Protein backbone atom coordinates (compact mmCIF):
# COMPACT_ATOMS: atom_id res chain seq x y z
CA MET A 1 307.87 282.01 176.69
CA HIS A 2 306.63 280.14 173.60
CA ARG A 3 306.96 276.81 175.44
CA ALA A 4 304.80 278.14 178.28
CA LEU A 5 302.09 279.25 175.82
CA ILE A 6 302.17 275.89 174.03
CA ALA A 7 301.95 274.06 177.37
CA ALA A 8 299.01 276.21 178.47
CA ALA A 9 297.20 275.63 175.16
CA ALA A 10 297.80 271.87 175.41
CA LEU A 11 296.42 271.86 178.96
CA LEU A 12 293.25 273.64 177.84
CA LEU A 13 292.75 271.24 174.95
CA GLY A 14 293.37 268.24 177.14
CA THR A 15 290.90 269.21 179.86
CA GLY A 16 288.14 270.41 177.55
CA THR A 17 285.90 273.31 178.29
CA ALA A 18 282.74 273.21 180.34
CA SER A 19 279.77 275.48 179.90
CA ALA A 20 276.59 275.74 181.94
CA GLU A 21 273.16 277.10 181.15
CA SER A 22 270.64 278.03 183.85
CA TYR A 23 266.91 278.28 183.26
CA ALA A 24 264.30 280.03 185.42
CA CYS A 25 260.89 279.28 183.91
CA HIS A 26 257.33 280.11 184.86
CA SER A 27 253.95 278.86 183.69
CA LEU A 28 252.28 280.93 180.99
CA ALA A 29 248.69 280.29 182.04
CA GLY A 30 246.62 278.21 184.37
CA GLU A 31 246.14 278.07 188.06
CA PRO A 32 248.00 277.56 190.23
CA PRO A 33 251.19 279.19 188.92
CA VAL A 34 254.24 276.93 188.55
CA THR A 35 257.98 277.66 188.56
CA LEU A 36 260.71 275.47 187.08
CA ASP A 37 264.42 276.03 187.59
CA PHE A 38 267.25 273.88 186.28
CA THR A 39 270.86 274.00 185.21
CA ILE A 40 272.51 271.97 182.47
CA ARG A 41 276.20 271.61 181.84
CA HIS A 42 278.23 270.56 178.82
CA SER A 43 281.57 268.97 179.58
CA SER A 44 283.76 266.42 177.79
CA GLY A 45 281.37 266.17 174.86
CA ALA A 46 278.19 265.42 176.84
CA TRP A 47 275.31 267.31 178.46
CA ALA A 48 274.02 266.68 181.99
CA VAL A 49 271.31 268.15 184.21
CA MET A 50 273.16 269.47 187.25
CA SER A 51 270.13 270.58 189.29
CA ALA A 52 266.38 270.85 188.84
CA ALA A 53 263.34 271.95 190.85
CA PHE A 54 259.70 272.73 190.26
CA GLN A 55 257.06 274.14 192.57
CA ILE A 56 253.32 274.29 192.08
CA GLU A 57 252.30 277.33 194.13
CA GLY A 58 250.55 276.25 197.31
CA ASP A 59 250.98 272.57 196.42
CA ILE A 60 253.69 270.03 195.64
CA GLY A 61 257.24 270.58 194.53
CA TYR A 62 260.34 268.48 193.95
CA SER A 63 264.01 269.33 193.83
CA THR A 64 267.32 267.59 193.25
CA ASP A 65 268.79 269.36 196.28
CA ALA A 66 265.80 269.00 198.64
CA ALA A 67 266.27 272.49 200.08
CA GLU A 68 262.96 273.96 198.90
CA PRO A 69 260.75 272.26 197.84
CA THR A 70 261.42 269.52 200.35
CA SER A 71 260.78 266.37 198.26
CA LEU A 72 264.10 265.02 197.01
CA ALA A 73 264.09 263.87 193.38
CA THR A 74 266.67 262.51 190.99
CA VAL A 75 267.03 263.20 187.28
CA ASN A 76 266.61 260.48 184.67
CA GLY A 77 265.61 260.10 181.04
CA VAL A 78 267.89 262.97 180.00
CA GLU A 79 267.81 263.83 176.29
CA ILE A 80 269.79 266.96 175.49
CA GLY A 81 270.83 267.51 171.90
CA SER A 82 272.05 271.01 172.72
CA ALA A 83 271.28 273.82 175.14
CA GLU A 84 268.42 274.64 172.77
CA ASP A 85 266.68 271.22 173.06
CA VAL A 86 266.33 269.81 176.58
CA ALA A 87 264.21 266.95 177.94
CA PHE A 88 264.42 265.11 181.26
CA LYS A 89 262.32 263.55 184.02
CA LEU A 90 262.32 263.94 187.77
CA HIS A 91 262.09 260.67 189.71
CA TYR A 92 260.93 260.30 193.32
CA THR A 93 261.40 257.31 195.61
CA ALA A 94 259.69 256.85 198.98
CA ASP A 95 258.24 253.98 200.98
CA ASP A 96 254.91 254.23 199.16
CA TYR A 97 256.02 255.52 195.72
CA ASP A 98 258.79 254.88 193.23
CA GLY A 99 258.36 256.59 189.88
CA ASP A 100 258.66 259.67 187.73
CA VAL A 101 256.86 262.71 189.14
CA ALA A 102 257.46 265.13 186.27
CA SER A 103 258.60 265.39 182.66
CA VAL A 104 260.23 268.50 181.22
CA ARG A 105 260.69 269.43 177.55
CA LEU A 106 262.02 272.86 176.51
CA VAL A 107 263.16 274.21 173.17
CA THR A 108 264.92 277.50 172.42
CA LEU A 109 264.43 279.10 169.02
CA SER A 110 266.32 282.14 167.75
CA GLN A 111 265.80 284.66 164.98
CA GLY A 112 268.49 287.28 164.66
CA ALA A 113 269.01 288.92 168.05
CA HIS A 114 265.78 287.47 169.47
CA SER A 115 265.31 284.12 171.18
CA LEU A 116 262.51 282.39 173.06
CA THR A 117 262.64 279.34 175.30
CA ALA A 118 259.35 277.55 175.83
CA GLY A 119 258.07 274.08 176.53
CA VAL A 120 256.03 271.88 178.79
CA LEU A 121 256.12 270.64 182.37
CA GLN A 122 253.96 267.56 182.91
CA VAL A 123 253.42 266.59 186.53
CA THR A 124 252.29 263.00 187.05
CA GLY A 125 248.76 263.06 188.40
CA GLY A 126 248.96 266.83 188.74
CA GLY A 127 248.64 268.59 185.41
CA LEU A 128 250.31 270.04 182.37
CA TRP A 129 251.73 273.55 182.08
CA ALA A 130 253.12 275.56 179.17
CA MET A 131 256.39 277.07 180.41
CA GLU A 132 258.49 280.03 179.29
């Protein structure tokens, strides 16, 4: 029995643990409204953006899965110090364009039992929104 517990503990230590954080953000002010959704994951000592999408209501949107919005983007420029400090860019490539279409920067601050996540979504050629 003890050998089985030791083997199970060794397996857990050897594989590392993975944790994911999902964010569903919305613009605080300004027209048109904007939504931003993304998921980050920590595994093997590093953070990665697993999926990301933004949509300007009635206008453009980009996503890493191209389901909705329909413009497929990739993630680059990732700077994640922790789940509380996240920055990345969405990159779009087409016949007539190859460049970053948006930059995201969000910070989470906590005080006791309260926390707030806020930041900025900058859309290239399209505006700047405060996000929560």
